[in-house]
Amino acid sequence: MNQLKRNSHIKSVSAKSITYTDEFKRIFIVEYEKGKFPRQIFEEYGFDVDVIGPQRVKSSADRWLNAYRENGLLGLHDSRTENTGRPREKELTLEEKYARLEAQNNLLKAENELLKKIRIAERGLKESP
């Protein structure tokens, strides 16, 4: 826990949970869209994946990517302290809707590029004796 608390990308740590900064979540999305793997991103930003646990890295990555797909960068914001649990009644502005769609589109493009790279690598492995 002390090792994690020293990392500038950690908001808080307890025996059961780790809360990452919103900044790190944004960095994670940008790096992931460049084609990096979640473990690689965590390690590059000072996390010991063996301490955190590979499953926690995977689940955090999945959670952030889903939130980003659904709500763009707004979905990465930790709103637990300000969330009342009530559903949003506010209608999104055109700019907010556009920003969400653009973020979702960028993520889908990055995922497609990654899948293309994987397919090309798999073809290369099948062709090699």
Protein backbone atom coordinates (compact mmCIF):
# COMPACT_ATOMS: atom_id res chain seq x y z
CA MET A 1 0.00 0.00 0.00
CA ASN A 2 2.84 2.41 0.79
CA GLN A 3 4.40 1.80 -2.63
CA LEU A 4 1.09 2.59 -4.33
CA LYS A 5 0.50 5.72 -2.23
CA ARG A 6 3.79 7.18 -3.51
CA ASN A 7 2.62 6.96 -7.14
CA SER A 8 1.33 10.33 -8.36
CA HIS A 9 -1.41 8.59 -10.38
CA ILE A 10 -3.11 7.21 -7.27
CA LYS A 11 -5.87 9.16 -5.59
CA SER A 12 -6.28 6.81 -2.61
CA VAL A 13 -5.49 3.27 -1.49
CA SER A 14 -7.13 0.98 1.04
CA ALA A 15 -6.78 -2.70 1.84
CA LYS A 16 -9.59 -3.44 -0.61
CA SER A 17 -9.43 -0.77 -3.30
CA ILE A 18 -7.26 1.51 -5.38
CA THR A 19 -8.61 4.79 -6.71
CA TYR A 20 -6.71 6.16 -9.70
CA THR A 21 -6.61 9.83 -10.69
CA ASP A 22 -8.80 11.03 -13.55
CA GLU A 23 -5.59 12.18 -15.25
CA PHE A 24 -4.19 8.63 -15.27
CA LYS A 25 -7.45 7.30 -16.71
CA ARG A 26 -7.20 9.83 -19.57
CA ILE A 27 -3.54 8.90 -20.13
CA PHE A 28 -4.53 5.23 -20.14
CA ILE A 29 -7.14 5.79 -22.89
CA VAL A 30 -4.71 7.79 -25.06
CA GLU A 31 -1.96 5.17 -24.70
CA TYR A 32 -4.41 2.32 -25.31
CA GLU A 33 -5.62 3.99 -28.50
CA LYS A 34 -1.99 4.09 -29.65
CA GLY A 35 -1.99 0.28 -29.45
CA LYS A 36 -0.36 -0.33 -26.10
CA PHE A 37 -1.53 -3.13 -23.85
CA PRO A 38 -2.99 -2.33 -20.39
CA ARG A 39 -0.14 -4.01 -18.50
CA GLN A 40 2.43 -2.07 -20.52
CA ILE A 41 0.69 1.25 -19.78
CA PHE A 42 0.50 0.55 -16.05
CA GLU A 43 4.18 -0.41 -15.93
CA GLU A 44 5.28 2.67 -17.91
CA TYR A 45 3.53 4.91 -15.39
CA GLY A 46 5.23 3.42 -12.34
CA PHE A 47 2.92 0.61 -11.27
CA ASP A 48 4.20 -2.82 -10.29
CA VAL A 49 1.62 -5.11 -11.91
CA ASP A 50 2.70 -7.98 -9.67
CA VAL A 51 1.73 -5.87 -6.64
CA ILE A 52 -1.57 -4.63 -8.10
CA GLY A 53 -2.41 -7.94 -9.71
CA PRO A 54 -2.97 -8.63 -13.41
CA GLN A 55 -6.69 -9.19 -12.90
CA ARG A 56 -7.09 -5.76 -11.29
CA VAL A 57 -5.25 -4.17 -14.23
CA LYS A 58 -7.56 -5.97 -16.68
CA SER A 59 -10.75 -5.10 -14.81
CA SER A 60 -9.73 -1.44 -14.45
CA ALA A 61 -8.91 -1.26 -18.16
CA ASP A 62 -12.24 -2.85 -19.11
CA ARG A 63 -14.18 -0.53 -16.80
CA TRP A 64 -12.46 2.63 -18.12
CA LEU A 65 -12.81 1.62 -21.76
CA ASN A 66 -16.53 0.91 -21.32
CA ALA A 67 -17.04 4.21 -19.51
CA TYR A 68 -15.13 6.03 -22.27
CA ARG A 69 -17.18 4.35 -25.01
CA GLU A 70 -20.45 5.29 -23.34
CA ASN A 71 -19.69 8.82 -22.12
CA GLY A 72 -16.37 9.94 -23.55
CA LEU A 73 -13.94 11.63 -21.19
CA LEU A 74 -16.80 12.52 -18.86
CA GLY A 75 -17.24 8.81 -18.17
CA LEU A 76 -13.74 8.58 -16.70
CA HIS A 77 -14.44 11.18 -14.02
CA ASP A 78 -14.77 9.72 -10.50
CA SER A 79 -18.11 11.15 -9.45
CA ARG A 80 -18.75 9.02 -6.37
CA THR A 81 -18.60 11.99 -4.02
CA GLU A 82 -21.00 14.07 -6.09
CA ASN A 83 -23.34 11.40 -7.44
CA THR A 84 -26.71 11.21 -5.70
CA GLY A 85 -27.69 7.98 -7.40
CA ARG A 86 -30.49 9.62 -9.31
CA PRO A 87 -30.52 9.30 -13.08
CA ARG A 88 -29.57 12.38 -15.04
CA GLU A 89 -32.46 14.57 -16.01
CA LYS A 90 -30.33 17.14 -17.80
CA GLU A 91 -30.49 16.94 -21.56
CA LEU A 92 -27.08 16.93 -23.20
CA THR A 93 -26.15 19.86 -25.41
CA LEU A 94 -25.29 19.24 -29.05
CA GLU A 95 -21.63 19.90 -28.22
CA GLU A 96 -21.67 17.28 -25.44
CA LYS A 97 -23.40 14.74 -27.68
CA TYR A 98 -20.91 15.44 -30.45
CA ALA A 99 -17.94 15.10 -28.06
CA ARG A 100 -19.25 11.74 -26.84
CA LEU A 101 -19.81 10.44 -30.36
CA GLU A 102 -16.40 11.68 -31.47
CA ALA A 103 -14.70 9.97 -28.52
CA GLN A 104 -16.59 6.76 -29.19
CA ASN A 105 -15.65 6.94 -32.87
CA ASN A 106 -11.96 7.47 -32.03
CA LEU A 107 -11.97 4.50 -29.68
CA LEU A 108 -13.61 2.27 -32.30
CA LYS A 109 -11.03 3.37 -34.88
CA ALA A 110 -8.20 2.51 -32.48
CA GLU A 111 -9.75 -0.87 -31.72
CA ASN A 112 -10.09 -1.61 -35.45
CA GLU A 113 -6.44 -0.70 -36.03
CA LEU A 114 -5.38 -2.99 -33.18
CA LEU A 115 -7.47 -5.84 -34.58
CA LYS A 116 -5.91 -5.32 -38.02
CA LYS A 117 -2.43 -5.51 -36.48
CA ILE A 118 -3.36 -8.70 -34.62
CA ARG A 119 -4.74 -10.29 -37.80
CA ILE A 120 -1.60 -9.40 -39.73
CA ALA A 121 0.59 -10.81 -36.95
CA GLU A 122 -1.51 -14.01 -36.84
CA ARG A 123 -1.19 -14.42 -40.63
CA GLY A 124 2.55 -14.02 -40.31
CA LEU A 125 2.70 -16.74 -37.67
CA LYS A 126 0.61 -19.14 -39.77
CA GLU A 127 2.78 -18.60 -42.84
CA SER A 128 6.07 -19.18 -40.97
CA PRO A 129 7.11 -22.83 -40.74
